[in-house]
């Protein structure tokens, strides 16, 4: 499984509760694509968001977001490196 980031941007500050409700409503879609939601980071102005998922690959996360109609800007796989 991979760690996948999804970047989202909004013209107006995001209503986090509304987005969380949409994500809960799309949980069947995440399961269908074997995607597990981990957590979300929101910018202080509420106009940018990064969501972190665990999934087989970035394409699975992209398909899950497209199917559930949750808007996104970019989807990509990341790796964790230890500080030296």
N, C-alpha and C. Protein backbone atom coordinates (compact mmCIF):
# COMPACT_ATOMS: atom_id res chain seq x y z
N UNK A 1 0.85 -1.19 0.00
CA UNK A 1 0.00 0.00 0.00
C UNK A 1 0.89 1.25 0.00
N UNK A 2 0.37 2.29 -0.61
CA UNK A 2 1.09 3.55 -0.77
C UNK A 2 0.41 4.65 0.05
N UNK A 3 1.18 5.69 0.37
CA UNK A 3 0.62 6.90 0.96
C UNK A 3 0.37 7.86 -0.19
N UNK A 4 -0.86 8.35 -0.29
CA UNK A 4 -1.26 9.20 -1.41
C UNK A 4 -1.81 10.52 -0.86
N UNK A 5 -1.33 11.63 -1.43
CA UNK A 5 -1.82 12.95 -1.05
C UNK A 5 -2.76 13.48 -2.11
N UNK A 6 -3.80 14.17 -1.65
CA UNK A 6 -4.73 14.85 -2.54
C UNK A 6 -4.73 16.32 -2.15
N UNK A 7 -4.41 17.18 -3.11
CA UNK A 7 -4.45 18.62 -2.88
C UNK A 7 -5.78 19.15 -3.38
N UNK A 8 -6.38 20.02 -2.56
CA UNK A 8 -7.64 20.65 -2.93
C UNK A 8 -7.50 22.16 -2.70
N UNK A 9 -8.14 22.96 -3.54
CA UNK A 9 -8.16 24.41 -3.32
C UNK A 9 -9.59 24.90 -3.51
N UNK A 10 -9.91 26.00 -2.84
CA UNK A 10 -11.27 26.52 -2.82
C UNK A 10 -11.23 28.03 -2.99
N UNK A 11 -12.22 28.59 -3.71
CA UNK A 11 -12.31 30.04 -3.88
C UNK A 11 -12.68 30.72 -2.57
N UNK A 12 -13.54 30.07 -1.81
CA UNK A 12 -13.96 30.57 -0.51
C UNK A 12 -13.48 29.58 0.56
N UNK A 13 -13.31 30.02 1.79
CA UNK A 13 -12.90 29.09 2.84
C UNK A 13 -13.83 27.88 2.90
N UNK A 14 -13.24 26.72 2.97
CA UNK A 14 -14.00 25.48 2.96
C UNK A 14 -14.78 25.33 4.27
N UNK A 15 -15.99 24.82 4.15
CA UNK A 15 -16.77 24.46 5.32
C UNK A 15 -16.41 23.01 5.62
N UNK A 16 -15.51 22.81 6.54
CA UNK A 16 -14.95 21.49 6.83
C UNK A 16 -16.04 20.46 7.14
N UNK A 17 -17.06 20.87 7.85
CA UNK A 17 -18.13 19.93 8.20
C UNK A 17 -18.84 19.41 6.96
N UNK A 18 -19.06 20.28 5.98
CA UNK A 18 -19.74 19.87 4.74
C UNK A 18 -18.88 18.89 3.95
N UNK A 19 -17.57 19.17 3.88
CA UNK A 19 -16.68 18.27 3.16
C UNK A 19 -16.57 16.92 3.87
N UNK A 20 -16.50 16.94 5.18
CA UNK A 20 -16.44 15.68 5.94
C UNK A 20 -17.72 14.86 5.72
N UNK A 21 -18.86 15.53 5.65
CA UNK A 21 -20.12 14.82 5.40
C UNK A 21 -20.10 14.18 4.01
N UNK A 22 -19.56 14.89 3.02
CA UNK A 22 -19.46 14.34 1.66
C UNK A 22 -18.53 13.12 1.65
N UNK A 23 -17.41 13.22 2.39
CA UNK A 23 -16.48 12.10 2.45
C UNK A 23 -17.12 10.89 3.14
N UNK A 24 -17.88 11.14 4.20
CA UNK A 24 -18.56 10.03 4.88
C UNK A 24 -19.56 9.37 3.94
N UNK A 25 -20.27 10.19 3.17
CA UNK A 25 -21.24 9.67 2.22
C UNK A 25 -20.59 8.87 1.10
N UNK A 26 -19.31 9.12 0.85
CA UNK A 26 -18.58 8.42 -0.21
C UNK A 26 -17.75 7.26 0.32
N UNK A 27 -17.94 6.88 1.56
CA UNK A 27 -17.10 5.83 2.14
C UNK A 27 -17.21 4.52 1.37
N UNK A 28 -18.39 4.23 0.79
CA UNK A 28 -18.55 3.01 -0.02
C UNK A 28 -17.60 3.04 -1.21
N UNK A 29 -17.39 4.23 -1.77
CA UNK A 29 -16.53 4.38 -2.95
C UNK A 29 -15.06 4.16 -2.57
N UNK A 30 -14.67 4.68 -1.42
CA UNK A 30 -13.30 4.46 -0.95
C UNK A 30 -13.06 2.97 -0.75
N UNK A 31 -14.01 2.30 -0.12
CA UNK A 31 -13.87 0.85 0.10
C UNK A 31 -13.78 0.10 -1.22
N UNK A 32 -14.58 0.50 -2.20
CA UNK A 32 -14.59 -0.17 -3.51
C UNK A 32 -13.21 -0.10 -4.17
N UNK A 33 -12.50 1.02 -3.97
CA UNK A 33 -11.18 1.20 -4.58
C UNK A 33 -10.03 0.85 -3.62
N UNK A 34 -10.38 0.28 -2.47
CA UNK A 34 -9.40 -0.12 -1.45
C UNK A 34 -8.59 1.08 -0.94
N UNK A 35 -9.29 2.20 -0.74
CA UNK A 35 -8.67 3.45 -0.27
C UNK A 35 -9.09 3.68 1.17
N UNK A 36 -8.11 4.01 2.01
CA UNK A 36 -8.38 4.30 3.42
C UNK A 36 -7.99 5.75 3.70
N UNK A 37 -8.96 6.54 4.16
CA UNK A 37 -8.70 7.93 4.55
C UNK A 37 -7.90 7.93 5.85
N UNK A 38 -6.82 8.74 5.90
CA UNK A 38 -6.01 8.83 7.12
C UNK A 38 -6.24 10.14 7.86
N UNK A 39 -6.01 11.29 7.22
CA UNK A 39 -6.26 12.57 7.86
C UNK A 39 -6.19 13.72 6.85
N UNK A 40 -6.55 14.90 7.34
CA UNK A 40 -6.62 16.11 6.51
C UNK A 40 -5.89 17.25 7.19
N UNK A 41 -5.22 18.05 6.37
CA UNK A 41 -4.61 19.31 6.82
C UNK A 41 -5.30 20.44 6.07
N UNK A 42 -5.70 21.50 6.79
CA UNK A 42 -6.37 22.64 6.18
C UNK A 42 -5.54 23.89 6.47
N UNK A 43 -5.34 24.72 5.45
CA UNK A 43 -4.59 25.97 5.65
C UNK A 43 -5.37 26.89 6.58
N UNK A 44 -4.68 27.81 7.21
CA UNK A 44 -5.33 28.70 8.17
C UNK A 44 -6.42 29.55 7.53
N UNK A 45 -6.25 29.88 6.24
CA UNK A 45 -7.30 30.68 5.59
C UNK A 45 -8.46 29.82 5.06
N UNK A 46 -8.33 28.50 5.16
CA UNK A 46 -9.40 27.60 4.77
C UNK A 46 -9.57 27.41 3.27
N UNK A 47 -8.59 27.89 2.48
CA UNK A 47 -8.72 27.81 1.02
C UNK A 47 -7.88 26.70 0.39
N UNK A 48 -7.09 26.03 1.20
CA UNK A 48 -6.28 24.92 0.69
C UNK A 48 -6.37 23.77 1.66
N UNK A 49 -6.30 22.56 1.09
CA UNK A 49 -6.42 21.36 1.92
C UNK A 49 -5.55 20.26 1.33
N UNK A 50 -4.97 19.47 2.20
CA UNK A 50 -4.27 18.26 1.78
C UNK A 50 -4.87 17.11 2.57
N UNK A 51 -5.34 16.10 1.83
CA UNK A 51 -5.90 14.90 2.44
C UNK A 51 -4.93 13.75 2.22
N UNK A 52 -4.76 12.94 3.23
CA UNK A 52 -3.81 11.83 3.19
C UNK A 52 -4.59 10.52 3.21
N UNK A 53 -4.24 9.64 2.27
CA UNK A 53 -4.89 8.35 2.13
C UNK A 53 -3.86 7.24 2.07
N UNK A 54 -4.29 6.02 2.36
CA UNK A 54 -3.50 4.83 2.12
C UNK A 54 -4.26 4.06 1.04
N UNK A 55 -3.55 3.67 -0.03
CA UNK A 55 -4.22 3.04 -1.16
C UNK A 55 -3.22 2.22 -1.97
N UNK A 56 -3.73 1.38 -2.88
CA UNK A 56 -2.82 0.61 -3.73
C UNK A 56 -1.94 1.53 -4.59
N UNK A 57 -2.52 2.66 -5.04
CA UNK A 57 -1.77 3.62 -5.87
C UNK A 57 -2.57 4.91 -5.98
N UNK A 58 -1.96 5.93 -6.60
CA UNK A 58 -2.62 7.23 -6.74
C UNK A 58 -3.86 7.14 -7.62
N UNK A 59 -3.84 6.26 -8.62
CA UNK A 59 -4.99 6.13 -9.52
C UNK A 59 -6.24 5.67 -8.77
N UNK A 60 -6.09 4.79 -7.80
CA UNK A 60 -7.24 4.34 -7.01
C UNK A 60 -7.87 5.51 -6.26
N UNK A 61 -7.04 6.38 -5.71
CA UNK A 61 -7.54 7.56 -4.98
C UNK A 61 -8.20 8.54 -5.95
N UNK A 62 -7.58 8.73 -7.11
CA UNK A 62 -8.15 9.62 -8.13
C UNK A 62 -9.54 9.12 -8.54
N UNK A 63 -9.65 7.83 -8.82
CA UNK A 63 -10.95 7.27 -9.23
C UNK A 63 -11.99 7.41 -8.13
N UNK A 64 -11.60 7.17 -6.89
CA UNK A 64 -12.54 7.28 -5.77
C UNK A 64 -13.05 8.71 -5.63
N UNK A 65 -12.16 9.69 -5.76
CA UNK A 65 -12.57 11.10 -5.65
C UNK A 65 -13.44 11.52 -6.83
N UNK A 66 -13.10 11.07 -8.03
CA UNK A 66 -13.91 11.40 -9.20
C UNK A 66 -15.31 10.79 -9.09
N UNK A 67 -15.38 9.52 -8.70
CA UNK A 67 -16.66 8.83 -8.59
C UNK A 67 -17.55 9.48 -7.53
N UNK A 68 -16.94 9.88 -6.42
CA UNK A 68 -17.72 10.49 -5.34
C UNK A 68 -17.94 11.99 -5.54
N UNK A 69 -17.39 12.54 -6.63
CA UNK A 69 -17.56 13.95 -7.00
C UNK A 69 -17.03 14.92 -5.95
N UNK A 70 -15.93 14.52 -5.29
CA UNK A 70 -15.25 15.42 -4.36
C UNK A 70 -14.12 16.09 -5.13
N UNK A 71 -14.15 17.42 -5.26
CA UNK A 71 -13.18 18.11 -6.11
C UNK A 71 -11.74 18.01 -5.58
N UNK A 72 -10.80 17.99 -6.52
CA UNK A 72 -9.38 17.95 -6.16
C UNK A 72 -8.56 18.61 -7.26
N UNK A 73 -7.35 19.04 -6.91
CA UNK A 73 -6.43 19.64 -7.88
C UNK A 73 -5.39 18.62 -8.36
N UNK A 74 -4.77 17.93 -7.40
CA UNK A 74 -3.71 16.98 -7.73
C UNK A 74 -3.78 15.78 -6.81
N UNK A 75 -3.32 14.64 -7.34
CA UNK A 75 -3.23 13.40 -6.57
C UNK A 75 -1.87 12.79 -6.86
N UNK A 76 -1.11 12.44 -5.80
CA UNK A 76 0.20 11.84 -6.04
C UNK A 76 0.63 11.00 -4.84
N UNK A 77 1.51 10.05 -5.15
CA UNK A 77 2.07 9.16 -4.16
C UNK A 77 3.31 9.80 -3.53
N UNK A 78 3.49 9.61 -2.24
CA UNK A 78 4.65 10.15 -1.53
C UNK A 78 5.34 9.03 -0.77
N UNK A 79 6.57 9.31 -0.38
CA UNK A 79 7.29 8.36 0.49
C UNK A 79 7.82 9.13 1.69
N UNK A 80 7.97 8.41 2.77
CA UNK A 80 8.44 9.00 4.02
C UNK A 80 9.93 8.74 4.16
N UNK A 81 10.68 9.77 4.46
CA UNK A 81 12.12 9.65 4.66
C UNK A 81 12.47 10.11 6.07
N UNK A 82 13.37 9.39 6.69
CA UNK A 82 13.81 9.77 8.03
C UNK A 82 14.72 10.99 7.95
N UNK A 83 14.62 11.85 8.94
CA UNK A 83 15.50 13.01 9.02
C UNK A 83 16.92 12.56 9.30
N UNK A 84 17.87 13.24 8.70
CA UNK A 84 19.29 12.89 8.93
C UNK A 84 20.00 13.95 9.71
